[in-house]
Amino acid sequence: MKKISLFDIFMIILPWILWYLTFDVLSSHFIYAMATSTSILGVISLTKKDVREKYKSCNAICLLSSLSIAIMLYFVFYGGNIISTRLGLEGEVLYVYELVPKGLLSIFLLALIGVMEEAYWRGLLQHIILENDLKINWIYAAVLYGIVHSVSLNLILVIAAFIVGLFLSFTAKKLGLIGSSIVHVTWIYLMFLKILI
């Protein structure tokens, strides 16, 4: 196992600070705070050559696979929404939707968030820090992605983030970061479509 660097430690801690600021301190400006937080993580991640190399080309099969995974993930969430409503937890789900205002700017910012999250969570954290440096299985990227959302104090969001993380981490492992970015952005649009229009 390669020795973990100070940079690795900093990059594991940084999302906790940014997510706390986004979900707690700046929640009234959530979409802008999340776009800023994910852009900070994404830009730092993209300075690493190993992350940029994970953006391998995405051919027609990759594109169709990515879109299929996004649709599958949407239906997992559709079912989860039904279950959470029956359990009386629909307020926890609606809380997340209420954080995103309608409009073209939100459409752009949601795409930016999806792409930048992939650069960090599946590129830098999963590929470089966990798999290369620590020799840890990719599934732990999904675990960390779920756990970091605990700063929101929203159990449904933590569970949802873990599920999303599993799908995206698997996609990044099999199809690269272009594939996981397509899944992420497409899924976000499917989830927020009724809010954006």
Protein backbone atom coordinates (compact mmCIF):
# COMPACT_ATOMS: atom_id res chain seq x y z
CA MET A 1 0.00 0.00 0.00
CA LYS A 2 1.31 3.42 -0.95
CA LYS A 3 1.64 5.89 1.91
CA ILE A 4 -1.27 8.32 2.05
CA SER A 5 -0.17 11.89 1.33
CA LEU A 6 -1.20 15.13 3.02
CA PHE A 7 -2.94 16.04 -0.24
CA ASP A 8 -5.01 12.83 -0.04
CA ILE A 9 -5.98 13.58 3.57
CA PHE A 10 -6.89 17.17 2.69
CA MET A 11 -9.00 16.01 -0.26
CA ILE A 12 -10.85 13.47 1.91
CA ILE A 13 -11.64 16.16 4.53
CA LEU A 14 -12.47 19.03 2.13
CA PRO A 15 -15.90 17.71 1.00
CA TRP A 16 -17.03 17.51 4.64
CA ILE A 17 -16.31 21.22 5.07
CA LEU A 18 -17.88 22.16 1.74
CA TRP A 19 -20.98 19.99 2.26
CA TYR A 20 -21.46 21.45 5.76
CA LEU A 21 -21.29 24.97 4.32
CA THR A 22 -23.63 24.00 1.47
CA PHE A 23 -26.30 22.12 3.44
CA ASP A 24 -26.19 24.03 6.73
CA VAL A 25 -24.65 27.48 6.48
CA LEU A 26 -25.69 28.40 2.92
CA SER A 27 -28.79 26.22 2.50
CA SER A 28 -30.93 29.21 1.46
CA HIS A 29 -28.61 29.49 -1.57
CA PHE A 30 -28.18 25.75 -1.99
CA ILE A 31 -27.83 25.44 -5.77
CA TYR A 32 -25.16 28.17 -5.93
CA ALA A 33 -23.30 26.83 -2.89
CA MET A 34 -23.35 23.26 -4.27
CA ALA A 35 -22.19 24.44 -7.69
CA THR A 36 -19.33 26.33 -6.04
CA SER A 37 -18.40 23.44 -3.71
CA THR A 38 -18.40 20.83 -6.45
CA SER A 39 -16.50 23.13 -8.80
CA ILE A 40 -13.76 23.60 -6.18
CA LEU A 41 -13.48 19.82 -5.79
CA GLY A 42 -13.71 19.20 -9.54
CA VAL A 43 -11.13 21.78 -10.58
CA ILE A 44 -8.62 20.54 -7.98
CA SER A 45 -9.26 16.97 -9.18
CA LEU A 46 -8.76 17.88 -12.83
CA THR A 47 -5.26 19.19 -12.08
CA LYS A 48 -4.29 15.51 -11.69
CA LYS A 49 -3.27 13.79 -14.93
CA ASP A 50 -4.60 10.42 -13.68
CA VAL A 51 -8.08 11.94 -13.29
CA ARG A 52 -8.02 13.50 -16.76
CA GLU A 53 -6.97 10.13 -18.22
CA LYS A 54 -10.14 8.51 -16.78
CA TYR A 55 -12.10 10.55 -19.31
CA LYS A 56 -11.68 7.89 -21.96
CA SER A 57 -13.82 8.16 -25.06
CA CYS A 58 -17.45 7.19 -24.88
CA ASN A 59 -18.69 5.40 -28.01
CA ALA A 60 -22.31 4.60 -28.90
CA ILE A 61 -22.37 1.53 -26.62
CA CYS A 62 -21.00 3.59 -23.73
CA LEU A 63 -23.60 6.30 -24.38
CA LEU A 64 -26.50 3.83 -24.55
CA SER A 65 -25.23 1.98 -21.48
CA SER A 66 -24.90 5.23 -19.54
CA LEU A 67 -28.40 6.39 -20.50
CA SER A 68 -29.81 2.97 -19.57
CA ILE A 69 -28.11 3.09 -16.17
CA ALA A 70 -29.49 6.61 -15.57
CA ILE A 71 -33.02 5.44 -16.39
CA MET A 72 -32.59 2.38 -14.16
CA LEU A 73 -31.40 4.64 -11.33
CA TYR A 74 -34.39 6.92 -11.86
CA PHE A 75 -36.78 3.98 -11.43
CA VAL A 76 -34.94 2.85 -8.29
CA PHE A 77 -35.61 6.33 -6.91
CA TYR A 78 -39.18 6.31 -8.15
CA GLY A 79 -39.75 3.13 -6.13
CA GLY A 80 -37.87 4.58 -3.18
CA ASN A 81 -40.08 7.66 -3.27
CA ILE A 82 -43.19 5.46 -3.07
CA ILE A 83 -41.73 3.57 -0.10
CA SER A 84 -40.64 6.74 1.74
CA THR A 85 -44.10 8.27 1.21
CA ARG A 86 -45.76 5.17 2.67
CA LEU A 87 -43.42 5.41 5.66
CA GLY A 88 -44.42 9.05 6.15
CA LEU A 89 -41.00 10.37 5.13
CA GLU A 90 -42.08 12.32 2.04
CA GLY A 91 -41.10 15.58 3.76
CA GLU A 92 -37.49 14.40 3.80
CA VAL A 93 -37.63 13.84 0.04
CA LEU A 94 -39.48 17.06 -0.76
CA TYR A 95 -36.90 19.04 1.21
CA VAL A 96 -34.25 18.22 -1.40
CA TYR A 97 -36.47 19.24 -4.32
CA GLU A 98 -37.33 22.54 -2.67
CA LEU A 99 -33.66 23.54 -2.62
CA VAL A 100 -33.54 23.84 -6.43
CA PRO A 101 -35.24 26.90 -7.99
CA LYS A 102 -36.88 26.77 -11.41
CA GLY A 103 -35.14 28.23 -14.42
CA LEU A 104 -32.44 27.90 -17.04
CA LEU A 105 -29.67 28.75 -14.59
CA SER A 106 -30.62 25.72 -12.48
CA ILE A 107 -30.50 23.50 -15.56
CA PHE A 108 -26.92 24.65 -16.22
CA LEU A 109 -25.86 24.47 -12.56
CA LEU A 110 -27.26 20.95 -12.10
CA ALA A 111 -25.19 19.75 -15.07
CA LEU A 112 -22.10 21.50 -13.70
CA ILE A 113 -22.66 19.86 -10.30
CA GLY A 114 -22.98 16.41 -11.86
CA VAL A 115 -19.83 16.74 -13.97
CA MET A 116 -17.71 18.27 -11.20
CA GLU A 117 -18.85 15.65 -8.67
CA GLU A 118 -17.69 12.92 -11.04
CA ALA A 119 -14.25 14.48 -11.41
CA TYR A 120 -13.83 14.43 -7.64
CA TRP A 121 -15.84 11.48 -6.26
CA ARG A 122 -15.19 8.96 -9.02
CA GLY A 123 -11.99 10.43 -10.48
CA LEU A 124 -9.80 11.69 -7.66
CA LEU A 125 -11.31 9.95 -4.61
CA GLN A 126 -12.26 6.59 -6.12
CA HIS A 127 -9.57 6.10 -8.73
CA ILE A 128 -6.52 7.84 -7.27
CA ILE A 129 -6.92 8.00 -3.48
CA LEU A 130 -8.84 4.80 -2.75
CA GLU A 131 -7.90 2.40 -5.55
CA ASN A 132 -4.37 3.55 -6.42
CA ASP A 133 -2.99 5.00 -3.18
CA LEU A 134 -4.82 3.00 -0.51
CA LYS A 135 -5.58 -0.12 -2.59
CA ILE A 136 -9.20 -0.04 -1.35
CA ASN A 137 -12.17 -1.32 -3.37
CA TRP A 138 -14.16 1.24 -5.39
CA ILE A 139 -17.30 0.55 -3.35
CA TYR A 140 -15.90 2.66 -0.51
CA ALA A 141 -16.21 5.74 -2.70
CA ALA A 142 -19.97 5.15 -2.65
CA VAL A 143 -19.90 4.70 1.13
CA LEU A 144 -18.03 7.99 1.60
CA TYR A 145 -20.37 9.72 -0.86
CA GLY A 146 -23.34 8.62 1.24
CA ILE A 147 -21.77 9.41 4.61
CA VAL A 148 -20.66 12.94 3.67
CA HIS A 149 -24.34 13.79 3.11
CA SER A 150 -24.95 13.15 6.82
CA VAL A 151 -24.11 16.82 7.41
CA SER A 152 -27.60 17.52 6.01
CA LEU A 153 -29.15 15.59 8.95
CA ASN A 154 -31.45 13.99 6.37
CA LEU A 155 -31.37 10.18 6.62
CA ILE A 156 -33.21 9.72 3.31
CA LEU A 157 -30.61 11.88 1.57
CA VAL A 158 -27.75 9.82 3.04
CA ILE A 159 -29.34 6.56 1.85
CA ALA A 160 -30.13 8.09 -1.54
CA ALA A 161 -26.57 9.39 -1.95
CA PHE A 162 -25.16 5.95 -1.13
CA ILE A 163 -27.40 4.33 -3.77
CA VAL A 164 -26.47 6.97 -6.35
CA GLY A 165 -22.82 6.52 -5.39
CA LEU A 166 -23.02 2.77 -6.04
CA PHE A 167 -24.44 3.28 -9.52
CA LEU A 168 -21.98 6.04 -10.39
CA SER A 169 -18.91 4.31 -8.94
CA PHE A 170 -19.75 1.13 -10.85
CA THR A 171 -20.29 3.12 -14.05
CA ALA A 172 -17.00 4.99 -13.65
CA LYS A 173 -15.18 1.71 -13.09
CA LYS A 174 -16.69 0.13 -16.22
CA LEU A 175 -17.22 3.08 -18.59
CA GLY A 176 -14.94 5.85 -17.32
CA LEU A 177 -15.76 9.34 -16.15
CA ILE A 178 -17.58 10.38 -19.32
CA GLY A 179 -19.99 7.49 -18.77
CA SER A 180 -20.53 8.26 -15.08
CA SER A 181 -20.95 11.97 -15.90
CA ILE A 182 -23.65 11.12 -18.45
CA VAL A 183 -25.43 8.95 -15.87
CA HIS A 184 -25.15 11.62 -13.18
CA VAL A 185 -26.43 14.53 -15.27
CA THR A 186 -29.19 12.51 -16.97
CA TRP A 187 -30.39 11.16 -13.61
CA ILE A 188 -30.38 14.67 -12.09
CA TYR A 189 -32.47 15.97 -14.98
CA LEU A 190 -34.92 13.08 -14.68
CA MET A 191 -35.27 13.66 -10.95
CA PHE A 192 -35.67 17.43 -11.15
CA LEU A 193 -37.55 17.68 -14.46
CA LYS A 194 -40.88 18.61 -12.87
CA ILE A 195 -39.12 21.30 -10.87
CA LEU A 196 -37.13 22.80 -13.74
CA ILE A 197 -40.06 23.36 -16.11
